Amino acid sequence: MPAYVFSDVTIRDNGAIEAYRTRATASIAQHGGRYLVRGGQVETLEGNWNPGPLIVVEFPDMEQARRWYGSAEYAAALEMRDAALSRNLVMVDGIAP
């Protein structure tokens, strides 16, 4: 069953975010993930949540998503994270087709 990683981002530094994105994108692809949402306009329909740019990545399953998050490839992106952005990051199981 697929798994999804959701990230609500606040960009700190536009230069650093590009380096982070390049590294993160490569690591996600290496671990079988793909972007479903990567920024774009956000419109709040209900409630008080006013997120920054949203990113949604799909992985084949939770284990693959965990392997990506703990990988050496993603660790290289994490070296840039604090300079580039702050965020809330969650992982959730999808539903079986």
C-alpha atoms as a PDB file:
ATOM      1  CA  MET A   1       0.000   0.000   0.000  1.00  0.00           C
ATOM      2  CA  PRO A   2       1.425   3.439  -0.851  1.00  0.00           C
ATOM      3  CA  ALA A   3       2.729   5.847   1.763  1.00  0.00           C
ATOM      4  CA  TYR A   4       2.806   9.615   1.607  1.00  0.00           C
ATOM      5  CA  VAL A   5       5.172  12.163   3.090  1.00  0.00           C
ATOM      6  CA  PHE A   6       3.599  15.601   3.628  1.00  0.00           C
ATOM      7  CA  SER A   7       5.700  18.677   4.249  1.00  0.00           C
ATOM      8  CA  ASP A   8       4.442  22.174   5.166  1.00  0.00           C
ATOM      9  CA  VAL A   9       7.437  24.413   4.439  1.00  0.00           C
ATOM     10  CA  THR A  10       8.601  27.877   5.398  1.00  0.00           C
ATOM     11  CA  ILE A  11      11.483  28.920   3.149  1.00  0.00           C
ATOM     12  CA  ARG A  12      14.340  30.650   4.964  1.00  0.00           C
ATOM     13  CA  ASP A  13      16.872  31.129   2.152  1.00  0.00           C
ATOM     14  CA  ASN A  14      16.148  30.913  -1.575  1.00  0.00           C
ATOM     15  CA  GLY A  15      19.734  29.994  -2.465  1.00  0.00           C
ATOM     16  CA  ALA A  16      19.945  27.221   0.107  1.00  0.00           C
ATOM     17  CA  ILE A  17      16.531  25.846  -0.853  1.00  0.00           C
ATOM     18  CA  GLU A  18      17.754  25.136  -4.375  1.00  0.00           C
ATOM     19  CA  ALA A  19      20.673  23.066  -3.067  1.00  0.00           C
ATOM     20  CA  TYR A  20      18.337  21.240  -0.673  1.00  0.00           C
ATOM     21  CA  ARG A  21      15.786  20.527  -3.449  1.00  0.00           C
ATOM     22  CA  THR A  22      18.413  19.149  -5.790  1.00  0.00           C
ATOM     23  CA  ARG A  23      19.698  16.724  -3.166  1.00  0.00           C
ATOM     24  CA  ALA A  24      16.243  15.790  -1.870  1.00  0.00           C
ATOM     25  CA  THR A  25      14.872  15.177  -5.367  1.00  0.00           C
ATOM     26  CA  ALA A  26      17.700  12.797  -6.233  1.00  0.00           C
ATOM     27  CA  SER A  27      17.328  10.889  -2.951  1.00  0.00           C
ATOM     28  CA  ILE A  28      13.552  10.550  -3.353  1.00  0.00           C
ATOM     29  CA  ALA A  29      13.943   9.116  -6.864  1.00  0.00           C
ATOM     30  CA  GLN A  30      16.629   6.670  -5.659  1.00  0.00           C
ATOM     31  CA  HIS A  31      14.196   5.316  -3.077  1.00  0.00           C
ATOM     32  CA  GLY A  32      11.209   4.860  -5.368  1.00  0.00           C
ATOM     33  CA  GLY A  33       9.400   8.074  -4.457  1.00  0.00           C
ATOM     34  CA  ARG A  34       7.722  10.609  -6.696  1.00  0.00           C
ATOM     35  CA  TYR A  35       6.369  14.091  -6.146  1.00  0.00           C
ATOM     36  CA  LEU A  36       2.601  14.518  -6.315  1.00  0.00           C
ATOM     37  CA  VAL A  37       2.587  18.112  -5.069  1.00  0.00           C
ATOM     38  CA  ARG A  38       5.535  20.475  -5.042  1.00  0.00           C
ATOM     39  CA  GLY A  39       4.515  23.961  -4.061  1.00  0.00           C
ATOM     40  CA  GLY A  40       1.787  25.727  -5.937  1.00  0.00           C
ATOM     41  CA  GLN A  41      -1.061  27.891  -4.737  1.00  0.00           C
ATOM     42  CA  VAL A  42      -2.680  26.901  -1.436  1.00  0.00           C
ATOM     43  CA  GLU A  43      -6.262  27.880  -0.685  1.00  0.00           C
ATOM     44  CA  THR A  44      -7.644  27.358   2.820  1.00  0.00           C
ATOM     45  CA  LEU A  45     -11.260  26.187   2.624  1.00  0.00           C
ATOM     46  CA  GLU A  46     -11.968  25.573   6.325  1.00  0.00           C
ATOM     47  CA  GLY A  47     -10.211  26.099   9.626  1.00  0.00           C
ATOM     48  CA  ASN A  48      -7.244  28.231  10.613  1.00  0.00           C
ATOM     49  CA  TRP A  49      -4.423  26.339   8.924  1.00  0.00           C
ATOM     50  CA  ASN A  50      -2.534  28.639   6.557  1.00  0.00           C
ATOM     51  CA  PRO A  51       0.359  26.499   5.362  1.00  0.00           C
ATOM     52  CA  GLY A  52       3.333  27.615   3.372  1.00  0.00           C
ATOM     53  CA  PRO A  53       4.284  25.688   0.260  1.00  0.00           C
ATOM     54  CA  LEU A  54       3.105  22.073   0.528  1.00  0.00           C
ATOM     55  CA  ILE A  55       5.022  19.083  -0.748  1.00  0.00           C
ATOM     56  CA  VAL A  56       3.542  15.589  -1.071  1.00  0.00           C
ATOM     57  CA  VAL A  57       5.725  12.635  -2.010  1.00  0.00           C
ATOM     58  CA  GLU A  58       4.383   9.147  -2.711  1.00  0.00           C
ATOM     59  CA  PHE A  59       6.434   6.030  -1.905  1.00  0.00           C
ATOM     60  CA  PRO A  60       5.518   2.419  -2.652  1.00  0.00           C
ATOM     61  CA  ASP A  61       5.021   1.732   1.081  1.00  0.00           C
ATOM     62  CA  MET A  62       5.867   2.968   4.590  1.00  0.00           C
ATOM     63  CA  GLU A  63       9.037   0.907   4.798  1.00  0.00           C
ATOM     64  CA  GLN A  64      10.411   2.443   1.604  1.00  0.00           C
ATOM     65  CA  ALA A  65       9.557   5.934   2.892  1.00  0.00           C
ATOM     66  CA  ARG A  66      11.353   5.173   6.174  1.00  0.00           C
ATOM     67  CA  ARG A  67      14.396   3.881   4.268  1.00  0.00           C
ATOM     68  CA  TRP A  68      14.476   7.110   2.254  1.00  0.00           C
ATOM     69  CA  TYR A  69      14.222   9.311   5.353  1.00  0.00           C
ATOM     70  CA  GLY A  70      17.044   7.415   7.064  1.00  0.00           C
ATOM     71  CA  SER A  71      19.243   7.108   3.988  1.00  0.00           C
ATOM     72  CA  ALA A  72      22.725   8.493   3.419  1.00  0.00           C
ATOM     73  CA  GLU A  73      21.419  10.095   0.231  1.00  0.00           C
ATOM     74  CA  TYR A  74      18.797  12.090   2.107  1.00  0.00           C
ATOM     75  CA  ALA A  75      21.281  12.900   4.883  1.00  0.00           C
ATOM     76  CA  ALA A  76      23.169  14.945   2.273  1.00  0.00           C
ATOM     77  CA  ALA A  77      20.010  17.051   1.742  1.00  0.00           C
ATOM     78  CA  LEU A  78      19.456  17.379   5.486  1.00  0.00           C
ATOM     79  CA  GLU A  79      22.835  19.103   5.748  1.00  0.00           C
ATOM     80  CA  MET A  80      21.180  22.034   3.917  1.00  0.00           C
ATOM     81  CA  ARG A  81      17.743  21.845   5.553  1.00  0.00           C
ATOM     82  CA  ASP A  82      18.154  24.208   8.500  1.00  0.00           C
ATOM     83  CA  ALA A  83      19.653  26.951   6.353  1.00  0.00           C
ATOM     84  CA  ALA A  84      17.044  26.421   3.629  1.00  0.00           C
ATOM     85  CA  LEU A  85      13.767  25.907   5.459  1.00  0.00           C
ATOM     86  CA  SER A  86      11.742  25.016   8.496  1.00  0.00           C
ATOM     87  CA  ARG A  87       8.857  22.605   8.190  1.00  0.00           C
ATOM     88  CA  ASN A  88       6.353  20.205   9.621  1.00  0.00           C
ATOM     89  CA  LEU A  89       6.850  16.736   8.160  1.00  0.00           C
ATOM     90  CA  VAL A  90       4.534  13.731   8.518  1.00  0.00           C
ATOM     91  CA  MET A  91       4.259  10.304   6.943  1.00  0.00           C
ATOM     92  CA  VAL A  92       0.969   8.475   6.474  1.00  0.00           C
ATOM     93  CA  ASP A  93      -0.206   5.154   5.066  1.00  0.00           C
ATOM     94  CA  GLY A  94      -2.305   5.364   1.953  1.00  0.00           C
ATOM     95  CA  ILE A  95      -5.143   3.027   1.086  1.00  0.00           C
ATOM     96  CA  ALA A  96      -4.954  -0.160  -0.903  1.00  0.00           C
ATOM     97  CA  PRO A  97      -6.060   0.191  -4.537  1.00  0.00           C
END
